All heavy atoms as atom14 arrays in JSON, in Angstrom:
{
  "sequence": "CAANTAVCFSAIGGISATLLTCIKRATIVAYEDLKTEAVQKLE",
  "atom14_mask": [
    [1, 1, 1, 1, 1, 1, 0, 0, 0, 0, 0, 0, 0, 0],
    [1, 1, 1, 1, 1, 0, 0, 0, 0, 0, 0, 0, 0, 0],
    [1, 1, 1, 1, 1, 0, 0, 0, 0, 0, 0, 0, 0, 0],
    [1, 1, 1, 1, 1, 1, 1, 1, 0, 0, 0, 0, 0, 0],
    [1, 1, 1, 1, 1, 1, 1, 0, 0, 0, 0, 0, 0, 0],
    [1, 1, 1, 1, 1, 0, 0, 0, 0, 0, 0, 0, 0, 0],
    [1, 1, 1, 1, 1, 1, 1, 0, 0, 0, 0, 0, 0, 0],
    [1, 1, 1, 1, 1, 1, 0, 0, 0, 0, 0, 0, 0, 0],
    [1, 1, 1, 1, 1, 1, 1, 1, 1, 1, 1, 0, 0, 0],
    [1, 1, 1, 1, 1, 1, 0, 0, 0, 0, 0, 0, 0, 0],
    [1, 1, 1, 1, 1, 0, 0, 0, 0, 0, 0, 0, 0, 0],
    [1, 1, 1, 1, 1, 1, 1, 1, 0, 0, 0, 0, 0, 0],
    [1, 1, 1, 1, 0, 0, 0, 0, 0, 0, 0, 0, 0, 0],
    [1, 1, 1, 1, 0, 0, 0, 0, 0, 0, 0, 0, 0, 0],
    [1, 1, 1, 1, 1, 1, 1, 1, 0, 0, 0, 0, 0, 0],
    [1, 1, 1, 1, 1, 1, 0, 0, 0, 0, 0, 0, 0, 0],
    [1, 1, 1, 1, 1, 0, 0, 0, 0, 0, 0, 0, 0, 0],
    [1, 1, 1, 1, 1, 1, 1, 0, 0, 0, 0, 0, 0, 0],
    [1, 1, 1, 1, 1, 1, 1, 1, 0, 0, 0, 0, 0, 0],
    [1, 1, 1, 1, 1, 1, 1, 1, 0, 0, 0, 0, 0, 0],
    [1, 1, 1, 1, 1, 1, 1, 0, 0, 0, 0, 0, 0, 0],
    [1, 1, 1, 1, 1, 1, 0, 0, 0, 0, 0, 0, 0, 0],
    [1, 1, 1, 1, 1, 1, 1, 1, 0, 0, 0, 0, 0, 0],
    [1, 1, 1, 1, 1, 1, 1, 1, 1, 0, 0, 0, 0, 0],
    [1, 1, 1, 1, 1, 1, 1, 1, 1, 1, 1, 0, 0, 0],
    [1, 1, 1, 1, 1, 0, 0, 0, 0, 0, 0, 0, 0, 0],
    [1, 1, 1, 1, 1, 1, 1, 0, 0, 0, 0, 0, 0, 0],
    [1, 1, 1, 1, 1, 1, 1, 1, 0, 0, 0, 0, 0, 0],
    [1, 1, 1, 1, 1, 1, 1, 0, 0, 0, 0, 0, 0, 0],
    [1, 1, 1, 1, 1, 0, 0, 0, 0, 0, 0, 0, 0, 0],
    [1, 1, 1, 1, 1, 1, 1, 1, 1, 1, 1, 1, 0, 0],
    [1, 1, 1, 1, 1, 1, 1, 1, 1, 0, 0, 0, 0, 0],
    [1, 1, 1, 1, 1, 1, 1, 1, 0, 0, 0, 0, 0, 0],
    [1, 1, 1, 1, 1, 1, 1, 1, 0, 0, 0, 0, 0, 0],
    [1, 1, 1, 1, 1, 1, 1, 1, 1, 0, 0, 0, 0, 0],
    [1, 1, 1, 1, 1, 1, 1, 0, 0, 0, 0, 0, 0, 0],
    [1, 1, 1, 1, 1, 1, 1, 1, 1, 0, 0, 0, 0, 0],
    [1, 1, 1, 1, 1, 0, 0, 0, 0, 0, 0, 0, 0, 0],
    [1, 1, 1, 1, 1, 1, 1, 0, 0, 0, 0, 0, 0, 0],
    [1, 1, 1, 1, 1, 1, 1, 1, 1, 0, 0, 0, 0, 0],
    [1, 1, 1, 1, 1, 1, 1, 1, 1, 0, 0, 0, 0, 0],
    [1, 1, 1, 1, 1, 1, 1, 1, 0, 0, 0, 0, 0, 0],
    [1, 1, 1, 1, 1, 1, 1, 1, 1, 0, 0, 0, 0, 0]
  ],
  "atom14_positions": [
    [[-13.49, -18.58, 23.12], [-13.16, -17.11, 23.2], [-13.32, -16.58, 24.61], [-12.43, -15.81, 24.98], [-14.04, -16.37, 22.22], [-13.6, -16.55, 20.44], [0.0, 0.0, 0.0], [0.0, 0.0, 0.0], [0.0, 0.0, 0.0], [0.0, 0.0, 0.0], [0.0, 0.0, 0.0], [0.0, 0.0, 0.0], [0.0, 0.0, 0.0], [0.0, 0.0, 0.0]],
    [[-14.36, -16.97, 25.29], [-14.52, -16.44, 26.6], [-13.44, -17.0, 27.57], [-12.88, -16.32, 28.36], [-15.88, -16.78, 27.17], [0.0, 0.0, 0.0], [0.0, 0.0, 0.0], [0.0, 0.0, 0.0], [0.0, 0.0, 0.0], [0.0, 0.0, 0.0], [0.0, 0.0, 0.0], [0.0, 0.0, 0.0], [0.0, 0.0, 0.0], [0.0, 0.0, 0.0]],
    [[-13.27, -18.32, 27.48], [-12.28, -18.98, 28.37], [-10.85, -18.52, 28.16], [-10.01, -18.52, 29.07], [-12.36, -20.48, 28.18], [0.0, 0.0, 0.0], [0.0, 0.0, 0.0], [0.0, 0.0, 0.0], [0.0, 0.0, 0.0], [0.0, 0.0, 0.0], [0.0, 0.0, 0.0], [0.0, 0.0, 0.0], [0.0, 0.0, 0.0], [0.0, 0.0, 0.0]],
    [[-10.52, -18.21, 26.85], [-9.05, -17.87, 26.48], [-8.83, -16.31, 26.25], [-7.74, -16.0, 25.76], [-8.69, -18.64, 25.26], [-8.55, -20.11, 25.56], [-7.78, -20.56, 26.27], [-9.5, -20.9, 24.99], [0.0, 0.0, 0.0], [0.0, 0.0, 0.0], [0.0, 0.0, 0.0], [0.0, 0.0, 0.0], [0.0, 0.0, 0.0], [0.0, 0.0, 0.0]],
    [[-9.8, -15.51, 26.47], [-9.7, -14.09, 26.09], [-9.26, -14.01, 24.7], [-8.14, -13.45, 24.37], [-8.85, -13.39, 27.1], [-9.22, -13.67, 28.51], [-8.95, -11.84, 26.87], [0.0, 0.0, 0.0], [0.0, 0.0, 0.0], [0.0, 0.0, 0.0], [0.0, 0.0, 0.0], [0.0, 0.0, 0.0], [0.0, 0.0, 0.0], [0.0, 0.0, 0.0]],
    [[-10.02, -14.49, 23.75], [-9.77, -14.44, 22.36], [-10.93, -13.95, 21.57], [-12.0, -13.85, 22.14], [-9.4, -15.94, 21.83], [0.0, 0.0, 0.0], [0.0, 0.0, 0.0], [0.0, 0.0, 0.0], [0.0, 0.0, 0.0], [0.0, 0.0, 0.0], [0.0, 0.0, 0.0], [0.0, 0.0, 0.0], [0.0, 0.0, 0.0], [0.0, 0.0, 0.0]],
    [[-10.78, -13.53, 20.36], [-11.78, -13.05, 19.5], [-11.76, -13.61, 18.16], [-10.71, -14.1, 17.68], [-11.8, -11.48, 19.4], [-11.95, -10.83, 20.76], [-10.5, -11.04, 18.7], [0.0, 0.0, 0.0], [0.0, 0.0, 0.0], [0.0, 0.0, 0.0], [0.0, 0.0, 0.0], [0.0, 0.0, 0.0], [0.0, 0.0, 0.0], [0.0, 0.0, 0.0]],
    [[-12.92, -13.56, 17.5], [-12.99, -13.96, 16.04], [-13.45, -12.72, 15.27], [-14.32, -11.97, 15.69], [-13.99, -15.07, 15.77], [-13.46, -16.65, 16.57], [0.0, 0.0, 0.0], [0.0, 0.0, 0.0], [0.0, 0.0, 0.0], [0.0, 0.0, 0.0], [0.0, 0.0, 0.0], [0.0, 0.0, 0.0], [0.0, 0.0, 0.0], [0.0, 0.0, 0.0]],
    [[-12.75, -12.56, 14.23], [-13.09, -11.45, 13.22], [-13.68, -12.01, 11.91], [-13.3, -13.11, 11.55], [-11.8, -10.66, 12.95], [-11.13, -10.04, 14.13], [-9.91, -10.62, 14.55], [-11.57, -8.86, 14.7], [-9.22, -10.07, 15.58], [-10.88, -8.32, 15.73], [-9.64, -8.88, 16.15], [0.0, 0.0, 0.0], [0.0, 0.0, 0.0], [0.0, 0.0, 0.0]],
    [[-14.45, -11.26, 11.33], [-14.85, -11.55, 9.95], [-14.22, -10.5, 8.98], [-14.23, -9.29, 9.33], [-16.35, -11.45, 9.71], [-16.96, -12.71, 10.23], [0.0, 0.0, 0.0], [0.0, 0.0, 0.0], [0.0, 0.0, 0.0], [0.0, 0.0, 0.0], [0.0, 0.0, 0.0], [0.0, 0.0, 0.0], [0.0, 0.0, 0.0], [0.0, 0.0, 0.0]],
    [[-13.62, -11.01, 7.93], [-13.18, -10.16, 6.8], [-14.31, -10.34, 5.74], [-14.61, -11.49, 5.42], [-11.86, -10.67, 6.3], [0.0, 0.0, 0.0], [0.0, 0.0, 0.0], [0.0, 0.0, 0.0], [0.0, 0.0, 0.0], [0.0, 0.0, 0.0], [0.0, 0.0, 0.0], [0.0, 0.0, 0.0], [0.0, 0.0, 0.0], [0.0, 0.0, 0.0]],
    [[-14.87, -9.28, 5.41], [-16.07, -9.43, 4.51], [-15.62, -9.87, 3.16], [-14.7, -9.45, 2.51], [-16.69, -7.96, 4.37], [-17.17, -7.48, 5.72], [-17.82, -8.04, 3.4], [-17.58, -5.95, 5.7], [0.0, 0.0, 0.0], [0.0, 0.0, 0.0], [0.0, 0.0, 0.0], [0.0, 0.0, 0.0], [0.0, 0.0, 0.0], [0.0, 0.0, 0.0]],
    [[-16.42, -11.06, 2.77], [-16.11, -11.62, 1.5], [-16.47, -10.52, 0.43], [-17.31, -9.77, 0.55], [0.0, 0.0, 0.0], [0.0, 0.0, 0.0], [0.0, 0.0, 0.0], [0.0, 0.0, 0.0], [0.0, 0.0, 0.0], [0.0, 0.0, 0.0], [0.0, 0.0, 0.0], [0.0, 0.0, 0.0], [0.0, 0.0, 0.0], [0.0, 0.0, 0.0]],
    [[-15.7, -10.6, -0.71], [-16.01, -9.7, -1.75], [-15.06, -8.49, -1.77], [-15.13, -7.64, -2.64], [0.0, 0.0, 0.0], [0.0, 0.0, 0.0], [0.0, 0.0, 0.0], [0.0, 0.0, 0.0], [0.0, 0.0, 0.0], [0.0, 0.0, 0.0], [0.0, 0.0, 0.0], [0.0, 0.0, 0.0], [0.0, 0.0, 0.0], [0.0, 0.0, 0.0]],
    [[-14.22, -8.3, -0.66], [-13.34, -7.14, -0.63], [-11.88, -7.56, -0.78], [-11.03, -6.89, -0.26], [-13.63, -6.26, 0.52], [-13.19, -6.92, 1.88], [-15.01, -5.68, 0.64], [-13.12, -6.01, 3.06], [0.0, 0.0, 0.0], [0.0, 0.0, 0.0], [0.0, 0.0, 0.0], [0.0, 0.0, 0.0], [0.0, 0.0, 0.0], [0.0, 0.0, 0.0]],
    [[-11.72, -8.7, -1.42], [-10.36, -9.22, -1.55], [-9.27, -8.24, -2.05], [-8.18, -8.11, -1.58], [-10.39, -10.52, -2.45], [-11.16, -11.44, -1.85], [0.0, 0.0, 0.0], [0.0, 0.0, 0.0], [0.0, 0.0, 0.0], [0.0, 0.0, 0.0], [0.0, 0.0, 0.0], [0.0, 0.0, 0.0], [0.0, 0.0, 0.0], [0.0, 0.0, 0.0]],
    [[-9.7, -7.39, -3.08], [-8.75, -6.42, -3.68], [-8.42, -5.39, -2.62], [-7.3, -4.94, -2.57], [-9.34, -5.73, -4.86], [0.0, 0.0, 0.0], [0.0, 0.0, 0.0], [0.0, 0.0, 0.0], [0.0, 0.0, 0.0], [0.0, 0.0, 0.0], [0.0, 0.0, 0.0], [0.0, 0.0, 0.0], [0.0, 0.0, 0.0], [0.0, 0.0, 0.0]],
    [[-9.36, -4.97, -1.74], [-9.0, -4.08, -0.58], [-8.05, -4.72, 0.39], [-7.15, -4.06, 0.84], [-10.41, -3.71, 0.09], [-11.23, -3.04, -0.9], [-10.16, -2.65, 1.26], [0.0, 0.0, 0.0], [0.0, 0.0, 0.0], [0.0, 0.0, 0.0], [0.0, 0.0, 0.0], [0.0, 0.0, 0.0], [0.0, 0.0, 0.0], [0.0, 0.0, 0.0]],
    [[-8.4, -5.97, 0.75], [-7.48, -6.62, 1.64], [-6.07, -6.66, 1.14], [-5.12, -6.53, 1.91], [-7.98, -7.98, 2.0], [-9.33, -8.14, 2.7], [-9.77, -9.63, 2.94], [-9.4, -7.4, 4.06], [0.0, 0.0, 0.0], [0.0, 0.0, 0.0], [0.0, 0.0, 0.0], [0.0, 0.0, 0.0], [0.0, 0.0, 0.0], [0.0, 0.0, 0.0]],
    [[-5.96, -7.01, -0.12], [-4.64, -7.04, -0.84], [-3.83, -5.74, -0.57], [-2.68, -5.82, -0.29], [-4.78, -7.29, -2.25], [-3.57, -7.39, -3.11], [-2.57, -8.47, -2.6], [-3.82, -7.5, -4.57], [0.0, 0.0, 0.0], [0.0, 0.0, 0.0], [0.0, 0.0, 0.0], [0.0, 0.0, 0.0], [0.0, 0.0, 0.0], [0.0, 0.0, 0.0]],
    [[-4.46, -4.63, -0.69], [-3.68, -3.3, -0.61], [-3.2, -3.18, 0.93], [-2.34, -2.36, 1.12], [-4.57, -2.12, -0.93], [-5.67, -1.95, 0.05], [-5.09, -2.29, -2.34], [0.0, 0.0, 0.0], [0.0, 0.0, 0.0], [0.0, 0.0, 0.0], [0.0, 0.0, 0.0], [0.0, 0.0, 0.0], [0.0, 0.0, 0.0], [0.0, 0.0, 0.0]],
    [[-3.78, -3.85, 1.87], [-3.35, -3.76, 3.34], [-2.19, -4.72, 3.63], [-1.58, -4.58, 4.68], [-4.52, -4.14, 4.2], [-5.95, -3.03, 4.04], [0.0, 0.0, 0.0], [0.0, 0.0, 0.0], [0.0, 0.0, 0.0], [0.0, 0.0, 0.0], [0.0, 0.0, 0.0], [0.0, 0.0, 0.0], [0.0, 0.0, 0.0], [0.0, 0.0, 0.0]],
    [[-1.85, -5.58, 2.7], [-0.77, -6.6, 2.9], [0.52, -5.93, 2.4], [0.64, -5.76, 1.15], [-1.01, -7.88, 2.28], [-2.31, -8.48, 2.92], [0.2, -8.84, 2.46], [-2.81, -9.66, 2.2], [0.0, 0.0, 0.0], [0.0, 0.0, 0.0], [0.0, 0.0, 0.0], [0.0, 0.0, 0.0], [0.0, 0.0, 0.0], [0.0, 0.0, 0.0]],
    [[1.52, -5.72, 3.26], [2.74, -5.07, 2.81], [3.88, -6.01, 2.52], [4.73, -5.72, 1.81], [3.17, -4.08, 3.92], [2.08, -2.99, 4.3], [1.63, -2.28, 3.06], [0.47, -1.3, 3.4], [-0.16, -0.76, 2.22], [0.0, 0.0, 0.0], [0.0, 0.0, 0.0], [0.0, 0.0, 0.0], [0.0, 0.0, 0.0], [0.0, 0.0, 0.0]],
    [[3.78, -7.19, 3.17], [4.8, -8.24, 2.89], [4.25, -9.59, 3.2], [3.41, -9.74, 4.1], [6.04, -8.02, 3.81], [7.16, -8.98, 3.43], [8.45, -8.67, 4.1], [8.29, -8.05, 5.51], [9.21, -7.26, 5.96], [10.31, -7.0, 5.44], [8.91, -6.8, 7.2], [0.0, 0.0, 0.0], [0.0, 0.0, 0.0], [0.0, 0.0, 0.0]],
    [[4.59, -10.57, 2.39], [4.1, -12.04, 2.6], [5.31, -12.97, 2.46], [6.09, -12.89, 1.59], [3.02, -12.35, 1.55], [0.0, 0.0, 0.0], [0.0, 0.0, 0.0], [0.0, 0.0, 0.0], [0.0, 0.0, 0.0], [0.0, 0.0, 0.0], [0.0, 0.0, 0.0], [0.0, 0.0, 0.0], [0.0, 0.0, 0.0], [0.0, 0.0, 0.0]],
    [[5.44, -13.85, 3.41], [6.58, -14.79, 3.46], [6.07, -16.1, 3.88], [5.3, -16.27, 4.86], [7.67, -14.3, 4.51], [8.0, -12.96, 4.23], [8.89, -15.17, 4.35], [0.0, 0.0, 0.0], [0.0, 0.0, 0.0], [0.0, 0.0, 0.0], [0.0, 0.0, 0.0], [0.0, 0.0, 0.0], [0.0, 0.0, 0.0], [0.0, 0.0, 0.0]],
    [[6.34, -17.18, 3.05], [5.97, -18.48, 3.49], [6.87, -18.94, 4.62], [8.1, -18.8, 4.63], [6.18, -19.55, 2.32], [5.09, -19.23, 1.28], [5.98, -20.98, 2.83], [5.23, -19.99, -0.07], [0.0, 0.0, 0.0], [0.0, 0.0, 0.0], [0.0, 0.0, 0.0], [0.0, 0.0, 0.0], [0.0, 0.0, 0.0], [0.0, 0.0, 0.0]],
    [[6.27, -19.26, 5.79], [7.03, -19.67, 6.95], [6.85, -21.14, 7.43], [7.57, -21.6, 8.3], [6.71, -18.71, 8.17], [7.2, -17.35, 7.84], [5.18, -18.78, 8.49], [0.0, 0.0, 0.0], [0.0, 0.0, 0.0], [0.0, 0.0, 0.0], [0.0, 0.0, 0.0], [0.0, 0.0, 0.0], [0.0, 0.0, 0.0], [0.0, 0.0, 0.0]],
    [[5.95, -21.94, 6.83], [5.88, -23.26, 7.13], [5.04, -24.02, 6.11], [4.09, -23.4, 5.46], [5.1, -23.34, 8.48], [0.0, 0.0, 0.0], [0.0, 0.0, 0.0], [0.0, 0.0, 0.0], [0.0, 0.0, 0.0], [0.0, 0.0, 0.0], [0.0, 0.0, 0.0], [0.0, 0.0, 0.0], [0.0, 0.0, 0.0], [0.0, 0.0, 0.0]],
    [[5.35, -25.28, 5.89], [4.62, -26.19, 5.01], [4.47, -25.7, 3.57], [3.45, -25.73, 2.93], [3.2, -26.41, 5.59], [3.15, -26.75, 7.02], [2.18, -26.22, 7.85], [4.11, -27.72, 7.54], [2.16, -26.59, 9.27], [4.06, -28.04, 8.9], [3.04, -27.46, 9.72], [3.05, -27.83, 11.05], [0.0, 0.0, 0.0], [0.0, 0.0, 0.0]],
    [[5.67, -25.35, 2.98], [5.74, -24.85, 1.6], [5.14, -25.95, 0.69], [4.61, -25.56, -0.35], [7.16, -24.57, 1.31], [7.24, -23.86, -0.07], [8.63, -23.28, -0.35], [9.48, -23.36, 0.59], [8.88, -22.72, -1.37], [0.0, 0.0, 0.0], [0.0, 0.0, 0.0], [0.0, 0.0, 0.0], [0.0, 0.0, 0.0], [0.0, 0.0, 0.0]],
    [[5.22, -27.18, 1.08], [4.77, -28.33, 0.21], [3.13, -28.19, -0.01], [2.67, -28.78, -0.96], [5.1, -29.69, 0.8], [4.52, -29.9, 2.12], [4.79, -29.12, 3.06], [3.72, -30.87, 2.29], [0.0, 0.0, 0.0], [0.0, 0.0, 0.0], [0.0, 0.0, 0.0], [0.0, 0.0, 0.0], [0.0, 0.0, 0.0], [0.0, 0.0, 0.0]],
    [[2.53, -27.43, 0.86], [1.11, -27.32, 0.67], [0.71, -26.23, -0.36], [-0.46, -25.97, -0.53], [0.45, -26.96, 1.94], [0.53, -27.99, 3.11], [-0.07, -27.45, 4.46], [-0.16, -29.27, 2.73], [0.0, 0.0, 0.0], [0.0, 0.0, 0.0], [0.0, 0.0, 0.0], [0.0, 0.0, 0.0], [0.0, 0.0, 0.0], [0.0, 0.0, 0.0]],
    [[1.72, -25.65, -0.99], [1.53, -24.62, -2.04], [0.56, -23.45, -1.54], [0.99, -22.8, -0.66], [0.98, -25.28, -3.3], [1.99, -26.43, -3.74], [1.78, -26.78, -5.19], [2.65, -27.84, -5.7], [3.97, -28.1, -5.11], [0.0, 0.0, 0.0], [0.0, 0.0, 0.0], [0.0, 0.0, 0.0], [0.0, 0.0, 0.0], [0.0, 0.0, 0.0]],
    [[-0.6, -23.31, -2.14], [-1.45, -22.2, -1.73], [-1.97, -22.24, -0.32], [-2.47, -21.27, 0.2], [-2.67, -22.07, -2.74], [-3.49, -23.21, -2.68], [-2.16, -21.73, -4.13], [0.0, 0.0, 0.0], [0.0, 0.0, 0.0], [0.0, 0.0, 0.0], [0.0, 0.0, 0.0], [0.0, 0.0, 0.0], [0.0, 0.0, 0.0], [0.0, 0.0, 0.0]],
    [[-1.82, -23.48, 0.29], [-2.24, -23.67, 1.73], [-1.08, -23.56, 2.67], [-1.21, -23.85, 3.89], [-3.08, -24.87, 1.8], [-4.43, -24.83, 1.29], [-5.44, -25.73, 1.88], [-5.31, -26.01, 3.18], [-6.33, -26.23, 1.14], [0.0, 0.0, 0.0], [0.0, 0.0, 0.0], [0.0, 0.0, 0.0], [0.0, 0.0, 0.0], [0.0, 0.0, 0.0]],
    [[0.1, -23.26, 2.13], [1.29, -23.01, 3.02], [0.99, -21.98, 4.0], [0.28, -20.99, 3.74], [2.56, -22.67, 2.17], [0.0, 0.0, 0.0], [0.0, 0.0, 0.0], [0.0, 0.0, 0.0], [0.0, 0.0, 0.0], [0.0, 0.0, 0.0], [0.0, 0.0, 0.0], [0.0, 0.0, 0.0], [0.0, 0.0, 0.0], [0.0, 0.0, 0.0]],
    [[1.64, -21.96, 5.2], [1.44, -20.89, 6.2], [2.27, -19.76, 5.75], [3.52, -19.85, 5.45], [1.84, -21.39, 7.56], [1.74, -20.21, 8.56], [1.09, -22.7, 7.99], [0.0, 0.0, 0.0], [0.0, 0.0, 0.0], [0.0, 0.0, 0.0], [0.0, 0.0, 0.0], [0.0, 0.0, 0.0], [0.0, 0.0, 0.0], [0.0, 0.0, 0.0]],
    [[1.6, -18.63, 5.69], [2.36, -17.36, 5.35], [2.26, -16.31, 6.4], [1.24, -16.1, 7.01], [1.69, -16.77, 4.03], [1.91, -17.74, 2.79], [1.81, -16.98, 1.5], [2.35, -15.79, 1.38], [1.11, -17.47, 0.53], [0.0, 0.0, 0.0], [0.0, 0.0, 0.0], [0.0, 0.0, 0.0], [0.0, 0.0, 0.0], [0.0, 0.0, 0.0]],
    [[3.37, -15.68, 6.59], [3.43, -14.55, 7.57], [3.14, -13.33, 6.75], [3.78, -13.01, 5.82], [4.83, -14.55, 8.17], [5.06, -13.36, 9.1], [6.48, -13.39, 9.62], [6.79, -12.26, 10.59], [8.14, -12.31, 11.08], [0.0, 0.0, 0.0], [0.0, 0.0, 0.0], [0.0, 0.0, 0.0], [0.0, 0.0, 0.0], [0.0, 0.0, 0.0]],
    [[2.06, -12.65, 7.17], [1.67, -11.4, 6.43], [1.91, -10.21, 7.36], [1.51, -10.18, 8.5], [0.17, -11.47, 6.06], [-0.34, -12.58, 5.31], [-1.87, -12.51, 5.06], [0.45, -12.76, 3.92], [0.0, 0.0, 0.0], [0.0, 0.0, 0.0], [0.0, 0.0, 0.0], [0.0, 0.0, 0.0], [0.0, 0.0, 0.0], [0.0, 0.0, 0.0]],
    [[2.6, -9.26, 6.79], [2.7, -7.92, 7.44], [1.6, -7.02, 6.94], [1.6, -6.85, 5.7], [4.07, -7.29, 7.2], [5.28, -8.13, 7.68], [5.3, -8.32, 9.2], [4.76, -7.51, 9.98], [5.67, -9.35, 9.68], [0.0, 0.0, 0.0], [0.0, 0.0, 0.0], [0.0, 0.0, 0.0], [0.0, 0.0, 0.0], [0.0, 0.0, 0.0]]
  ]
}
């Protein structure tokens, strides 16, 4: 993080329903064969 000017965030476990309301669109963009582990673009 220091070398690359990057950060790590925590999303608090247990607030999944709250996080859901913040997602306006979801699209699979890679590795659809991984099913629930496919890469999704979230707006």
